[in-house]
Amino acid sequence: MLGHGAVEVAEARLAPWAAWVNCRIPLLARYDM
């Protein structure tokens, strides 16, 4: 099992990627539509 610290590190690493994706979801939605 992952420790609580490992989860926090994973979230810290994914935060910038999640923000990048969230910024581009509207653009992707436009092309998909």
PDB file of N, CA and C in Angstrom:
ATOM      1  N   MET A   1       0.847  -1.202   0.000  1.00  0.00           N
ATOM      2  CA  MET A   1       0.000   0.000   0.000  1.00  0.00           C
ATOM      3  C   MET A   1       0.881   1.251   0.000  1.00  0.00           C
ATOM      4  N   LEU A   2       0.403   2.277  -0.662  1.00  0.00           N
ATOM      5  CA  LEU A   2       1.150   3.534  -0.684  1.00  0.00           C
ATOM      6  C   LEU A   2       0.937   4.291   0.614  1.00  0.00           C
ATOM      7  N   GLY A   3       1.987   4.932   1.095  1.00  0.00           N
ATOM      8  CA  GLY A   3       1.870   5.735   2.306  1.00  0.00           C
ATOM      9  C   GLY A   3       1.193   7.058   1.989  1.00  0.00           C
ATOM     10  N   HIS A   4       0.755   7.742   3.018  1.00  0.00           N
ATOM     11  CA  HIS A   4       0.087   9.025   2.822  1.00  0.00           C
ATOM     12  C   HIS A   4       1.027  10.006   2.145  1.00  0.00           C
ATOM     13  N   GLY A   5       2.300   9.938   2.526  1.00  0.00           N
ATOM     14  CA  GLY A   5       3.290  10.835   1.914  1.00  0.00           C
ATOM     15  C   GLY A   5       3.412  10.583   0.415  1.00  0.00           C
ATOM     16  N   ALA A   6       3.375   9.324   0.024  1.00  0.00           N
ATOM     17  CA  ALA A   6       3.492   8.986  -1.396  1.00  0.00           C
ATOM     18  C   ALA A   6       2.309   9.547  -2.176  1.00  0.00           C
ATOM     19  N   VAL A   7       1.132   9.500  -1.566  1.00  0.00           N
ATOM     20  CA  VAL A   7      -0.063  10.038  -2.227  1.00  0.00           C
ATOM     21  C   VAL A   7       0.081  11.538  -2.425  1.00  0.00           C
ATOM     22  N   GLU A   8       0.597  12.227  -1.412  1.00  0.00           N
ATOM     23  CA  GLU A   8       0.764  13.674  -1.524  1.00  0.00           C
ATOM     24  C   GLU A   8       1.762  14.012  -2.630  1.00  0.00           C
ATOM     25  N   VAL A   9       2.841  13.229  -2.711  1.00  0.00           N
ATOM     26  CA  VAL A   9       3.842  13.472  -3.765  1.00  0.00           C
ATOM     27  C   VAL A   9       3.218  13.248  -5.135  1.00  0.00           C
ATOM     28  N   ALA A  10       2.424  12.196  -5.270  1.00  0.00           N
ATOM     29  CA  ALA A  10       1.788  11.915  -6.554  1.00  0.00           C
ATOM     30  C   ALA A  10       0.849  13.056  -6.936  1.00  0.00           C
ATOM     31  N   GLU A  11       0.078  13.557  -5.977  1.00  0.00           N
ATOM     32  CA  GLU A  11      -0.836  14.663  -6.266  1.00  0.00           C
ATOM     33  C   GLU A  11      -0.066  15.912  -6.656  1.00  0.00           C
ATOM     34  N   ALA A  12       1.062  16.162  -5.980  1.00  0.00           N
ATOM     35  CA  ALA A  12       1.864  17.346  -6.299  1.00  0.00           C
ATOM     36  C   ALA A  12       2.411  17.239  -7.720  1.00  0.00           C
ATOM     37  N   ARG A  13       2.762  16.033  -8.140  1.00  0.00           N
ATOM     38  CA  ARG A  13       3.293  15.853  -9.498  1.00  0.00           C
ATOM     39  C   ARG A  13       2.197  15.956 -10.539  1.00  0.00           C
ATOM     40  N   LEU A  14       0.985  15.520 -10.185  1.00  0.00           N
ATOM     41  CA  LEU A  14      -0.117  15.538 -11.158  1.00  0.00           C
ATOM     42  C   LEU A  14      -0.814  16.894 -11.240  1.00  0.00           C
ATOM     43  N   ALA A  15      -0.655  17.726 -10.221  1.00  0.00           N
ATOM     44  CA  ALA A  15      -1.360  19.015 -10.191  1.00  0.00           C
ATOM     45  C   ALA A  15      -1.084  19.852 -11.442  1.00  0.00           C
ATOM     46  N   PRO A  16       0.184  20.068 -11.837  1.00  0.00           N
ATOM     47  CA  PRO A  16       0.439  20.876 -13.036  1.00  0.00           C
ATOM     48  C   PRO A  16      -0.165  20.251 -14.287  1.00  0.00           C
ATOM     49  N   TRP A  17      -0.088  18.933 -14.415  1.00  0.00           N
ATOM     50  CA  TRP A  17      -0.662  18.251 -15.576  1.00  0.00           C
ATOM     51  C   TRP A  17      -2.176  18.411 -15.581  1.00  0.00           C
ATOM     52  N   ALA A  18      -2.808  18.289 -14.407  1.00  0.00           N
ATOM     53  CA  ALA A  18      -4.257  18.437 -14.332  1.00  0.00           C
ATOM     54  C   ALA A  18      -4.664  19.849 -14.745  1.00  0.00           C
ATOM     55  N   ALA A  19      -3.901  20.856 -14.303  1.00  0.00           N
ATOM     56  CA  ALA A  19      -4.206  22.242 -14.673  1.00  0.00           C
ATOM     57  C   ALA A  19      -4.049  22.415 -16.184  1.00  0.00           C
ATOM     58  N   TRP A  20      -3.016  21.819 -16.758  1.00  0.00           N
ATOM     59  CA  TRP A  20      -2.771  21.916 -18.205  1.00  0.00           C
ATOM     60  C   TRP A  20      -3.938  21.309 -18.969  1.00  0.00           C
ATOM     61  N   VAL A  21      -4.392  20.144 -18.500  1.00  0.00           N
ATOM     62  CA  VAL A  21      -5.510  19.476 -19.172  1.00  0.00           C
ATOM     63  C   VAL A  21      -6.785  20.300 -19.030  1.00  0.00           C
ATOM     64  N   ASN A  22      -7.039  20.825 -17.831  1.00  0.00           N
ATOM     65  CA  ASN A  22      -8.256  21.598 -17.601  1.00  0.00           C
ATOM     66  C   ASN A  22      -8.294  22.838 -18.477  1.00  0.00           C
ATOM     67  N   CYS A  23      -7.116  23.426 -18.735  1.00  0.00           N
ATOM     68  CA  CYS A  23      -7.065  24.621 -19.584  1.00  0.00           C
ATOM     69  C   CYS A  23      -7.411  24.271 -21.021  1.00  0.00           C
ATOM     70  N   ARG A  24      -7.159  23.026 -21.436  1.00  0.00           N
ATOM     71  CA  ARG A  24      -7.341  22.651 -22.831  1.00  0.00           C
ATOM     72  C   ARG A  24      -8.601  21.831 -23.100  1.00  0.00           C
ATOM     73  N   ILE A  25      -9.318  21.451 -22.063  1.00  0.00           N
ATOM     74  CA  ILE A  25     -10.553  20.684 -22.277  1.00  0.00           C
ATOM     75  C   ILE A  25     -11.546  21.463 -23.155  1.00  0.00           C
ATOM     76  N   PRO A  26     -11.753  22.763 -22.927  1.00  0.00           N
ATOM     77  CA  PRO A  26     -12.688  23.510 -23.789  1.00  0.00           C
ATOM     78  C   PRO A  26     -12.256  23.476 -25.256  1.00  0.00           C
ATOM     79  N   LEU A  27     -10.958  23.586 -25.514  1.00  0.00           N
ATOM     80  CA  LEU A  27     -10.476  23.539 -26.898  1.00  0.00           C
ATOM     81  C   LEU A  27     -10.731  22.172 -27.503  1.00  0.00           C
ATOM     82  N   LEU A  28     -10.463  21.116 -26.731  1.00  0.00           N
ATOM     83  CA  LEU A  28     -10.693  19.765 -27.234  1.00  0.00           C
ATOM     84  C   LEU A  28     -12.179  19.545 -27.481  1.00  0.00           C
ATOM     85  N   ALA A  29     -12.997  20.072 -26.599  1.00  0.00           N
ATOM     86  CA  ALA A  29     -14.443  19.900 -26.754  1.00  0.00           C
ATOM     87  C   ALA A  29     -14.911  20.569 -28.049  1.00  0.00           C
ATOM     88  N   ARG A  30     -14.335  21.719 -28.374  1.00  0.00           N
ATOM     89  CA  ARG A  30     -14.732  22.407 -29.607  1.00  0.00           C
ATOM     90  C   ARG A  30     -14.410  21.534 -30.825  1.00  0.00           C
ATOM     91  N   TYR A  31     -13.217  20.928 -30.828  1.00  0.00           N
ATOM     92  CA  TYR A  31     -12.828  20.119 -31.975  1.00  0.00           C
ATOM     93  C   TYR A  31     -13.646  18.832 -32.035  1.00  0.00           C
ATOM     94  N   ASP A  32     -13.962  18.264 -30.866  1.00  0.00           N
ATOM     95  CA  ASP A  32     -14.736  17.026 -30.845  1.00  0.00           C
ATOM     96  C   ASP A  32     -16.155  17.289 -31.339  1.00  0.00           C
ATOM     97  N   MET A  33     -16.700  18.446 -30.994  1.00  0.00           N
ATOM     98  CA  MET A  33     -18.042  18.799 -31.454  1.00  0.00           C
ATOM     99  C   MET A  33     -17.933  19.119 -32.944  1.00  0.00           C
TER     100      MET A  33
END
